[in-house]
Amino acid sequence: MNSSLMLRRFFTLNATSSSSSSCSASLKPSSKRKQLVFLGSPQVSAAVLDDLFNASTAPDSMFEVAAIVTQPPSGRNRGRKVMPSPVAQHALDRGFPSDLIFTPEKAGEEIFLSSLRALQPELCITAAYGNILPRKFLEIPPMGTVNIHPSLLPLYRGAAPVQRALQDGVKETGVSLAFTVRALDAGPVIACERFEVDDQIKATDLLALLFSQGSKLLIHELPSIFDGSAKLKAQPQDDSKATLAPKITPEESWLSFDQEASVLHNKVSSFSLNLTI
């Protein structure tokens, strides 16, 4: 069977309350470990998910991955064949139950939120999920939602932090672990890791490196997140120092050879990737 057909799509579920309740109840995990829901979509997110899977199998692990939320299957590669997101495919390859891989069009869909509440997750983790999380979502996990963001917040808040940083020719960047709030990438920062930028690195490589560092940072900080001390030590961001990293437009990738060599170099480095975080 095509793996994309194995994914449970929320819009295929019966929308009646009785059906929704029945389905949701069957998804509720029984483990005493803390229930973590992971949200992510592209390949860099799959690498983070893999680290979480591996950490959750340790004998002394405090958590398990109770469910995965990702973008719906879409047309990719030659022929635009409809395929699951890299995160969904990786989860299926690892033997994760297909009925616990959720692919809502929007994270505010009521059937989706109802099923998520039934799971009673204590914590949600996001890593390049690519969908806005509404207040109703953020109110569900009592320990909050934590995001891996590939910049040194409050710098480069938004969809394309790595591309914009390289476009600006920065010498240092990093990855931040922050609580998610309704304002864009503006939540308190739990921890960050700095990284010196090689002027030959491309956006694809830098993004993968930062998410790899981010997953290690997350796993290191999970005990403090679970015991509540992370909320006490998390530092509010200085909004006056915030910079924005809007999504890259196709027009921006054009090269004009009347520009300085450094500008062209930075464009080539940064526009080697077109990914929304």
Protein backbone atom coordinates (compact mmCIF):
# COMPACT_ATOMS: atom_id res chain seq x y z
CA MET A 1 0.00 0.00 0.00
CA ASN A 2 1.25 3.48 -0.82
CA SER A 3 2.51 4.98 2.44
CA SER A 4 0.63 8.21 1.80
CA LEU A 5 -2.61 6.25 1.94
CA MET A 6 -1.65 4.90 5.35
CA LEU A 7 -1.78 8.30 6.96
CA ARG A 8 -4.94 9.12 8.84
CA ARG A 9 -6.29 12.39 7.43
CA PHE A 10 -8.50 14.33 9.82
CA PHE A 11 -10.84 15.45 7.10
CA THR A 12 -11.67 11.81 6.31
CA LEU A 13 -12.92 11.16 9.83
CA ASN A 14 -16.62 11.27 10.59
CA ALA A 15 -17.25 14.74 11.97
CA THR A 16 -19.98 13.73 14.41
CA SER A 17 -19.12 14.09 18.07
CA SER A 18 -19.77 10.44 18.87
CA SER A 19 -17.46 9.23 16.12
CA SER A 20 -14.80 11.73 17.07
CA SER A 21 -14.94 10.71 20.73
CA SER A 22 -14.73 7.04 19.85
CA CYS A 23 -11.71 7.55 17.62
CA SER A 24 -9.96 9.84 20.09
CA ALA A 25 -10.43 7.49 22.99
CA SER A 26 -8.78 4.67 21.07
CA LEU A 27 -5.70 6.82 20.53
CA LYS A 28 -5.10 7.64 24.17
CA PRO A 29 -1.80 6.05 25.27
CA SER A 30 -1.54 4.00 28.45
CA SER A 31 2.13 4.53 29.28
CA LYS A 32 3.08 6.32 32.51
CA ARG A 33 5.88 8.11 30.73
CA LYS A 34 5.22 11.73 29.92
CA GLN A 35 3.40 12.10 26.64
CA LEU A 36 5.16 14.21 24.03
CA VAL A 37 3.67 15.27 20.69
CA PHE A 38 6.09 16.19 17.91
CA LEU A 39 5.26 18.64 15.12
CA GLY A 40 7.48 18.92 12.06
CA SER A 41 7.49 18.39 8.32
CA PRO A 42 10.74 18.59 6.26
CA GLN A 43 13.82 16.38 6.35
CA VAL A 44 15.57 18.46 9.03
CA SER A 45 12.54 17.82 11.26
CA ALA A 46 12.77 14.08 10.59
CA ALA A 47 16.32 14.14 11.97
CA VAL A 48 15.03 15.76 15.19
CA LEU A 49 12.24 13.18 15.41
CA ASP A 50 14.79 10.39 15.00
CA ASP A 51 16.79 11.74 17.95
CA LEU A 52 13.61 11.85 20.04
CA PHE A 53 12.70 8.29 19.08
CA ASN A 54 16.17 7.11 20.07
CA ALA A 55 16.12 9.02 23.37
CA SER A 56 12.66 7.68 24.22
CA THR A 57 13.85 4.07 23.97
CA ALA A 58 16.43 4.49 26.75
CA PRO A 59 15.50 2.46 29.86
CA ASP A 60 15.44 5.60 32.02
CA SER A 61 13.59 7.78 29.51
CA MET A 62 11.01 10.12 31.04
CA PHE A 63 8.91 10.41 27.88
CA GLU A 64 7.50 8.74 24.81
CA VAL A 65 6.40 10.16 21.48
CA ALA A 66 2.62 9.85 21.74
CA ALA A 67 1.73 11.36 18.36
CA ILE A 68 3.14 13.20 15.37
CA VAL A 69 1.63 16.20 13.60
CA THR A 70 2.87 17.08 10.13
CA GLN A 71 1.85 18.68 6.85
CA PRO A 72 -0.57 16.73 4.62
CA PRO A 73 0.81 14.61 1.78
CA SER A 74 1.69 16.71 -1.24
CA GLY A 75 3.02 16.44 -4.75
CA ARG A 76 6.83 16.31 -4.79
CA ASN A 77 9.68 15.32 -7.04
CA ARG A 78 9.27 14.50 -10.71
CA GLY A 79 5.72 13.77 -11.74
CA ARG A 80 4.41 15.58 -8.64
CA LYS A 81 3.60 12.23 -7.05
CA VAL A 82 1.59 12.70 -3.86
CA MET A 83 3.82 11.65 -0.98
CA PRO A 84 3.79 11.99 2.81
CA SER A 85 6.02 14.62 4.38
CA PRO A 86 9.57 13.50 5.23
CA VAL A 87 8.58 13.41 8.91
CA ALA A 88 5.56 11.19 8.23
CA GLN A 89 7.60 8.89 6.00
CA HIS A 90 10.36 8.58 8.58
CA ALA A 91 7.84 7.79 11.32
CA LEU A 92 6.27 5.07 9.15
CA ASP A 93 9.71 3.67 8.37
CA ARG A 94 10.41 3.49 12.11
CA GLY A 95 7.19 1.53 12.62
CA PHE A 96 5.25 4.36 14.27
CA PRO A 97 1.46 3.73 14.18
CA SER A 98 -0.07 5.42 11.13
CA ASP A 99 -3.22 6.35 13.09
CA LEU A 100 -1.08 8.50 15.39
CA ILE A 101 0.33 10.56 12.50
CA PHE A 102 -1.97 13.56 12.13
CA THR A 103 -2.01 15.74 9.02
CA PRO A 104 -4.54 18.55 9.47
CA GLU A 105 -4.65 21.25 6.82
CA LYS A 106 -4.68 23.76 9.70
CA ALA A 107 -3.74 23.23 13.33
CA GLY A 108 -6.97 24.90 14.46
CA GLU A 109 -9.31 22.25 13.05
CA GLU A 110 -11.74 21.21 15.78
CA ILE A 111 -11.60 17.46 15.05
CA PHE A 112 -7.82 17.61 15.25
CA LEU A 113 -7.87 19.59 18.50
CA SER A 114 -10.41 17.16 19.98
CA SER A 115 -8.18 14.19 19.19
CA LEU A 116 -5.13 16.00 20.57
CA ARG A 117 -6.94 16.75 23.84
CA ALA A 118 -7.90 13.08 24.15
CA LEU A 119 -4.22 12.14 23.99
CA GLN A 120 -3.57 14.44 26.97
CA PRO A 121 -0.04 15.39 25.87
CA GLU A 122 2.06 17.02 28.55
CA LEU A 123 4.41 18.71 26.10
CA CYS A 124 4.51 19.56 22.41
CA ILE A 125 7.72 20.05 20.43
CA THR A 126 7.86 21.91 17.12
CA ALA A 127 10.68 21.86 14.58
CA ALA A 128 9.90 23.45 11.20
CA TYR A 129 6.27 22.36 11.31
CA GLY A 130 5.19 25.09 8.87
CA ASN A 131 1.75 25.83 10.29
CA ILE A 132 0.52 28.53 12.67
CA LEU A 133 -0.49 27.22 16.10
CA PRO A 134 -3.66 28.87 17.44
CA ARG A 135 -4.32 29.68 21.06
CA LYS A 136 -6.63 26.66 21.40
CA PHE A 137 -3.71 24.43 20.51
CA LEU A 138 -1.24 26.14 22.83
CA GLU A 139 -3.64 25.75 25.76
CA ILE A 140 -3.67 21.94 25.52
CA PRO A 141 -0.23 20.76 26.79
CA PRO A 142 0.18 21.81 30.45
CA MET A 143 3.99 22.01 30.11
CA GLY A 144 3.69 24.16 27.03
CA THR A 145 4.97 23.96 23.47
CA VAL A 146 8.70 24.29 22.83
CA ASN A 147 10.14 25.28 19.47
CA ILE A 148 13.57 24.63 17.96
CA HIS A 149 14.34 27.80 16.00
CA PRO A 150 17.55 28.09 13.91
CA SER A 151 18.64 31.56 14.97
CA LEU A 152 19.82 33.39 18.07
CA LEU A 153 16.48 34.83 19.11
CA PRO A 154 15.30 37.57 19.05
CA LEU A 155 17.32 37.80 15.81
CA TYR A 156 15.70 36.46 12.66
CA ARG A 157 12.21 35.69 13.81
CA GLY A 158 10.13 34.22 11.01
CA ALA A 159 10.00 31.73 8.17
CA ALA A 160 13.53 31.95 6.74
CA PRO A 161 16.04 32.63 9.54
CA VAL A 162 18.95 30.71 8.03
CA GLN A 163 18.54 32.16 4.54
CA ARG A 164 18.24 35.72 5.83
CA ALA A 165 21.23 35.34 8.13
CA LEU A 166 23.43 34.14 5.24
CA GLN A 167 22.03 36.83 2.99
CA ASP A 168 23.17 39.38 5.57
CA GLY A 169 26.63 37.81 5.72
CA VAL A 170 26.57 37.13 9.46
CA LYS A 171 29.68 35.66 11.08
CA GLU A 172 27.77 34.02 13.92
CA THR A 173 24.37 32.42 14.22
CA GLY A 174 22.91 29.63 16.32
CA VAL A 175 19.85 27.73 17.43
CA SER A 176 17.39 28.62 20.17
CA LEU A 177 15.04 26.56 22.28
CA ALA A 178 12.05 28.70 23.20
CA PHE A 179 8.52 28.39 24.51
CA THR A 180 5.91 29.10 21.86
CA VAL A 181 3.56 32.04 22.33
CA ARG A 182 1.03 33.58 19.97
CA ALA A 183 3.48 36.27 18.82
CA LEU A 184 5.90 35.15 16.10
CA ASP A 185 8.94 33.38 17.63
CA ALA A 186 8.71 35.73 20.62
CA GLY A 187 8.51 33.30 23.54
CA PRO A 188 10.98 33.04 26.45
CA VAL A 189 14.27 31.37 25.50
CA ILE A 190 15.21 28.28 27.48
CA ALA A 191 18.68 27.84 25.98
CA CYS A 192 20.69 28.60 22.87
CA GLU A 193 23.78 27.32 21.12
CA ARG A 194 26.06 29.64 19.15
CA PHE A 195 27.72 28.68 15.89
CA GLU A 196 30.45 30.39 13.88
CA VAL A 197 29.48 30.72 10.23
CA ASP A 198 31.90 29.46 7.57
CA ASP A 199 31.64 31.81 4.61
CA GLN A 200 31.51 28.81 2.26
CA ILE A 201 28.56 27.09 3.93
CA LYS A 202 25.25 26.83 2.10
CA ALA A 203 21.82 27.27 3.64
CA THR A 204 20.92 23.58 3.31
CA ASP A 205 24.00 22.49 5.25
CA LEU A 206 23.71 25.20 7.87
CA LEU A 207 20.03 24.43 8.47
CA ALA A 208 20.75 20.73 8.95
CA LEU A 209 23.61 21.52 11.31
CA LEU A 210 21.53 23.91 13.42
CA PHE A 211 18.63 21.49 13.76
CA SER A 212 21.07 18.72 14.68
CA GLN A 213 22.47 20.94 17.43
CA GLY A 214 18.95 21.95 18.37
CA SER A 215 17.80 18.38 18.91
CA LYS A 216 20.77 17.71 21.19
CA LEU A 217 19.97 20.90 23.09
CA LEU A 218 16.33 19.84 23.40
CA ILE A 219 17.12 16.39 24.75
CA HIS A 220 19.55 17.93 27.25
CA GLU A 221 16.88 20.37 28.44
CA LEU A 222 13.92 17.98 28.52
CA PRO A 223 14.36 17.09 32.23
CA SER A 224 14.16 20.77 33.18
CA ILE A 225 11.15 21.26 30.92
CA PHE A 226 9.37 18.30 32.48
CA ASP A 227 10.09 19.35 36.07
CA GLY A 228 9.04 22.95 35.40
CA SER A 229 12.39 24.58 36.12
CA ALA A 230 12.82 25.55 32.46
CA LYS A 231 9.91 27.96 32.73
CA LEU A 232 11.56 29.61 35.71
CA LYS A 233 14.94 30.02 34.03
CA ALA A 234 13.68 30.91 30.54
CA GLN A 235 14.68 34.45 29.59
CA PRO A 236 12.18 36.87 28.01
CA GLN A 237 13.31 38.18 24.65
CA ASP A 238 14.25 41.81 24.17
CA ASP A 239 11.72 42.81 21.52
CA SER A 240 13.67 46.00 20.79
CA LYS A 241 16.47 43.85 19.33
CA ALA A 242 14.20 41.67 17.22
CA THR A 243 14.82 41.29 13.49
CA LEU A 244 12.51 39.59 11.02
CA ALA A 245 13.20 36.81 8.54
CA PRO A 246 10.29 36.75 6.09
CA LYS A 247 9.82 33.96 3.60
CA ILE A 248 12.05 34.11 0.52
CA THR A 249 10.30 35.15 -2.70
CA PRO A 250 11.30 33.72 -6.11
CA GLU A 251 12.14 37.21 -7.36
CA GLU A 252 14.83 37.60 -4.70
CA SER A 253 16.87 34.74 -6.13
CA TRP A 254 17.72 36.64 -9.30
CA LEU A 255 21.36 37.70 -9.57
CA SER A 256 22.29 41.13 -10.86
CA PHE A 257 25.95 41.34 -11.80
CA ASP A 258 26.15 45.04 -11.18
CA GLN A 259 26.03 44.19 -7.46
CA GLU A 260 29.13 43.71 -5.32
CA ALA A 261 30.74 40.26 -5.29
CA SER A 262 29.98 39.83 -1.57
CA VAL A 263 26.27 40.44 -2.17
CA LEU A 264 26.18 37.87 -4.98
CA HIS A 265 28.12 35.36 -2.85
CA ASN A 266 25.66 35.76 0.02
CA LYS A 267 22.71 35.32 -2.32
CA VAL A 268 24.08 32.08 -3.71
CA SER A 269 24.70 30.77 -0.20
CA SER A 270 21.32 31.77 1.19
CA PHE A 271 19.05 30.95 -1.75
CA SER A 272 20.33 27.39 -2.08
CA LEU A 273 17.34 26.54 0.08
CA ASN A 274 13.69 27.54 -0.06
CA LEU A 275 12.11 26.23 3.11
CA THR A 276 9.55 27.76 5.44
CA ILE A 277 10.38 27.24 9.13
